[in-house]
Amino acid sequence: MMTMRHLLPALLATLIMTGCATRSSLYQWGSYENQVYAMYADQGKTSPQEQIAQLEADIEKARAANKALPPGHYAHLGYLYFQTGRREQAIASFETEERLFPEARPYMTRLIARAKQ
């Protein structure tokens, strides 16, 4: 027979596990992590144009769900725009990253300057 002393730890563990499982993410991650992985680990598997299309779709999904995108999303998208010669869109993405995540300002400032060259 289970006593209260044995039941309480089991009940607490269940509550903690349930709380962790139902906690929603602060960010709408979409395919961002997979795109970064594809760019650096699986080079050539996905073209920059395909990655751009997916990241742009993630932006729309996040807007529809009224969720924020994670740090780095707009910076990565800007880098892809830059790679494909879309400098104005790259600059706009870097500026968005800088506005949403002020701690990224020093790096985004350098990327913006480079994109303007």
C-alpha atoms as a PDB file:
ATOM      1  CA  MET A   1       0.000   0.000   0.000  1.00  0.00           C
ATOM      2  CA  MET A   2       1.313   3.432  -0.912  1.00  0.00           C
ATOM      3  CA  THR A   3       1.523   5.907   1.901  1.00  0.00           C
ATOM      4  CA  MET A   4       1.247   9.646   1.583  1.00  0.00           C
ATOM      5  CA  ARG A   5       5.006   9.842   2.005  1.00  0.00           C
ATOM      6  CA  HIS A   6       5.485   7.726  -1.135  1.00  0.00           C
ATOM      7  CA  LEU A   7       2.653   9.328  -3.074  1.00  0.00           C
ATOM      8  CA  LEU A   8       3.788  12.940  -2.658  1.00  0.00           C
ATOM      9  CA  PRO A   9       7.112  12.631  -4.581  1.00  0.00           C
ATOM     10  CA  ALA A  10       5.367  10.792  -7.413  1.00  0.00           C
ATOM     11  CA  LEU A  11       2.671  13.457  -7.576  1.00  0.00           C
ATOM     12  CA  LEU A  12       5.243  16.272  -7.591  1.00  0.00           C
ATOM     13  CA  ALA A  13       7.248  14.585 -10.343  1.00  0.00           C
ATOM     14  CA  THR A  14       4.101  14.195 -12.433  1.00  0.00           C
ATOM     15  CA  LEU A  15       3.173  17.853 -11.988  1.00  0.00           C
ATOM     16  CA  ILE A  16       6.671  19.021 -12.905  1.00  0.00           C
ATOM     17  CA  MET A  17       6.778  16.820 -16.014  1.00  0.00           C
ATOM     18  CA  THR A  18       3.340  17.987 -17.095  1.00  0.00           C
ATOM     19  CA  GLY A  19       4.308  21.622 -16.587  1.00  0.00           C
ATOM     20  CA  CYS A  20       7.405  21.197 -18.722  1.00  0.00           C
ATOM     21  CA  ALA A  21       5.573  19.379 -21.468  1.00  0.00           C
ATOM     22  CA  THR A  22       2.869  22.015 -21.882  1.00  0.00           C
ATOM     23  CA  ARG A  23       5.110  25.065 -21.727  1.00  0.00           C
ATOM     24  CA  SER A  24       5.064  26.928 -25.018  1.00  0.00           C
ATOM     25  CA  SER A  25       8.150  28.381 -26.625  1.00  0.00           C
ATOM     26  CA  LEU A  26       8.819  32.090 -26.530  1.00  0.00           C
ATOM     27  CA  TYR A  27       9.759  31.970 -30.215  1.00  0.00           C
ATOM     28  CA  GLN A  28       8.300  30.515 -33.378  1.00  0.00           C
ATOM     29  CA  TRP A  29      11.389  28.589 -34.515  1.00  0.00           C
ATOM     30  CA  GLY A  30       9.965  27.214 -37.746  1.00  0.00           C
ATOM     31  CA  SER A  31      12.737  25.872 -39.971  1.00  0.00           C
ATOM     32  CA  TYR A  32      15.407  28.320 -38.763  1.00  0.00           C
ATOM     33  CA  GLU A  33      17.586  25.768 -36.962  1.00  0.00           C
ATOM     34  CA  ASN A  34      17.356  23.343 -39.877  1.00  0.00           C
ATOM     35  CA  GLN A  35      18.285  26.110 -42.328  1.00  0.00           C
ATOM     36  CA  VAL A  36      21.380  27.065 -40.335  1.00  0.00           C
ATOM     37  CA  TYR A  37      22.377  23.404 -40.123  1.00  0.00           C
ATOM     38  CA  ALA A  38      21.806  22.943 -43.850  1.00  0.00           C
ATOM     39  CA  MET A  39      23.946  25.952 -44.634  1.00  0.00           C
ATOM     40  CA  TYR A  40      26.965  24.924 -42.599  1.00  0.00           C
ATOM     41  CA  ALA A  41      26.821  21.141 -42.215  1.00  0.00           C
ATOM     42  CA  ASP A  42      25.004  20.013 -45.371  1.00  0.00           C
ATOM     43  CA  GLN A  43      26.426  22.561 -47.792  1.00  0.00           C
ATOM     44  CA  GLY A  44      24.916  22.331 -51.222  1.00  0.00           C
ATOM     45  CA  LYS A  45      21.973  20.227 -50.114  1.00  0.00           C
ATOM     46  CA  THR A  46      19.625  23.217 -50.070  1.00  0.00           C
ATOM     47  CA  SER A  47      20.121  26.256 -52.278  1.00  0.00           C
ATOM     48  CA  PRO A  48      20.107  29.772 -50.820  1.00  0.00           C
ATOM     49  CA  GLN A  49      16.897  30.465 -52.766  1.00  0.00           C
ATOM     50  CA  GLU A  50      15.187  27.468 -51.163  1.00  0.00           C
ATOM     51  CA  GLN A  51      16.370  28.551 -47.728  1.00  0.00           C
ATOM     52  CA  ILE A  52      15.117  32.092 -48.345  1.00  0.00           C
ATOM     53  CA  ALA A  53      11.693  30.790 -49.387  1.00  0.00           C
ATOM     54  CA  GLN A  54      11.445  28.662 -46.245  1.00  0.00           C
ATOM     55  CA  LEU A  55      12.572  31.451 -43.896  1.00  0.00           C
ATOM     56  CA  GLU A  56      10.138  33.881 -45.534  1.00  0.00           C
ATOM     57  CA  ALA A  57       7.352  31.315 -45.050  1.00  0.00           C
ATOM     58  CA  ASP A  58       8.379  31.035 -41.394  1.00  0.00           C
ATOM     59  CA  ILE A  59       7.965  34.806 -41.046  1.00  0.00           C
ATOM     60  CA  GLU A  60       4.419  34.587 -42.353  1.00  0.00           C
ATOM     61  CA  LYS A  61       3.591  31.667 -40.041  1.00  0.00           C
ATOM     62  CA  ALA A  62       4.976  33.533 -37.038  1.00  0.00           C
ATOM     63  CA  ARG A  63       2.940  36.626 -37.913  1.00  0.00           C
ATOM     64  CA  ALA A  64      -0.209  34.534 -38.285  1.00  0.00           C
ATOM     65  CA  ALA A  65       0.415  32.927 -34.887  1.00  0.00           C
ATOM     66  CA  ASN A  66       1.384  36.297 -33.353  1.00  0.00           C
ATOM     67  CA  LYS A  67       4.716  34.819 -32.246  1.00  0.00           C
ATOM     68  CA  ALA A  68       8.205  36.285 -32.286  1.00  0.00           C
ATOM     69  CA  LEU A  69      10.980  34.844 -34.397  1.00  0.00           C
ATOM     70  CA  PRO A  70      14.178  33.726 -32.651  1.00  0.00           C
ATOM     71  CA  PRO A  71      17.381  35.733 -32.467  1.00  0.00           C
ATOM     72  CA  GLY A  72      19.388  35.282 -35.639  1.00  0.00           C
ATOM     73  CA  HIS A  73      16.458  34.557 -37.941  1.00  0.00           C
ATOM     74  CA  TYR A  74      16.542  37.902 -39.730  1.00  0.00           C
ATOM     75  CA  ALA A  75      20.350  38.005 -39.677  1.00  0.00           C
ATOM     76  CA  HIS A  76      20.530  34.607 -41.366  1.00  0.00           C
ATOM     77  CA  LEU A  77      17.908  35.632 -43.899  1.00  0.00           C
ATOM     78  CA  GLY A  78      19.872  38.825 -44.561  1.00  0.00           C
ATOM     79  CA  TYR A  79      23.023  36.818 -45.138  1.00  0.00           C
ATOM     80  CA  LEU A  80      21.190  34.634 -47.657  1.00  0.00           C
ATOM     81  CA  TYR A  81      19.836  37.724 -49.405  1.00  0.00           C
ATOM     82  CA  PHE A  82      23.373  39.114 -49.548  1.00  0.00           C
ATOM     83  CA  GLN A  83      24.683  35.857 -51.028  1.00  0.00           C
ATOM     84  CA  THR A  84      22.108  36.039 -53.797  1.00  0.00           C
ATOM     85  CA  GLY A  85      22.823  39.689 -54.639  1.00  0.00           C
ATOM     86  CA  ARG A  86      19.711  41.133 -52.999  1.00  0.00           C
ATOM     87  CA  ARG A  87      21.567  43.845 -51.057  1.00  0.00           C
ATOM     88  CA  GLU A  88      18.587  46.071 -50.194  1.00  0.00           C
ATOM     89  CA  GLN A  89      16.683  43.125 -48.731  1.00  0.00           C
ATOM     90  CA  ALA A  90      19.824  42.055 -46.865  1.00  0.00           C
ATOM     91  CA  ILE A  91      20.178  45.486 -45.306  1.00  0.00           C
ATOM     92  CA  ALA A  92      16.483  45.525 -44.353  1.00  0.00           C
ATOM     93  CA  SER A  93      16.824  42.116 -42.680  1.00  0.00           C
ATOM     94  CA  PHE A  94      19.956  43.162 -40.790  1.00  0.00           C
ATOM     95  CA  GLU A  95      18.165  46.313 -39.614  1.00  0.00           C
ATOM     96  CA  THR A  96      15.195  44.239 -38.452  1.00  0.00           C
ATOM     97  CA  GLU A  97      17.510  41.921 -36.502  1.00  0.00           C
ATOM     98  CA  GLU A  98      19.186  44.968 -34.953  1.00  0.00           C
ATOM     99  CA  ARG A  99      15.841  46.505 -33.969  1.00  0.00           C
ATOM    100  CA  LEU A 100      14.439  43.303 -32.454  1.00  0.00           C
ATOM    101  CA  PHE A 101      17.654  42.282 -30.698  1.00  0.00           C
ATOM    102  CA  PRO A 102      19.656  45.380 -29.704  1.00  0.00           C
ATOM    103  CA  GLU A 103      22.464  43.207 -28.354  1.00  0.00           C
ATOM    104  CA  ALA A 104      23.187  42.281 -31.984  1.00  0.00           C
ATOM    105  CA  ARG A 105      23.729  45.932 -32.963  1.00  0.00           C
ATOM    106  CA  PRO A 106      27.559  45.865 -33.190  1.00  0.00           C
ATOM    107  CA  TYR A 107      27.538  42.854 -35.501  1.00  0.00           C
ATOM    108  CA  MET A 108      24.553  44.031 -37.549  1.00  0.00           C
ATOM    109  CA  THR A 109      26.195  47.455 -37.987  1.00  0.00           C
ATOM    110  CA  ARG A 110      29.239  45.768 -39.532  1.00  0.00           C
ATOM    111  CA  LEU A 111      27.081  43.601 -41.797  1.00  0.00           C
ATOM    112  CA  ILE A 112      25.039  46.612 -42.908  1.00  0.00           C
ATOM    113  CA  ALA A 113      28.217  48.545 -43.716  1.00  0.00           C
ATOM    114  CA  ARG A 114      29.534  45.606 -45.709  1.00  0.00           C
ATOM    115  CA  ALA A 115      26.281  45.198 -47.611  1.00  0.00           C
ATOM    116  CA  LYS A 116      26.361  48.886 -48.549  1.00  0.00           C
ATOM    117  CA  GLN A 117      29.860  48.633 -50.100  1.00  0.00           C
END
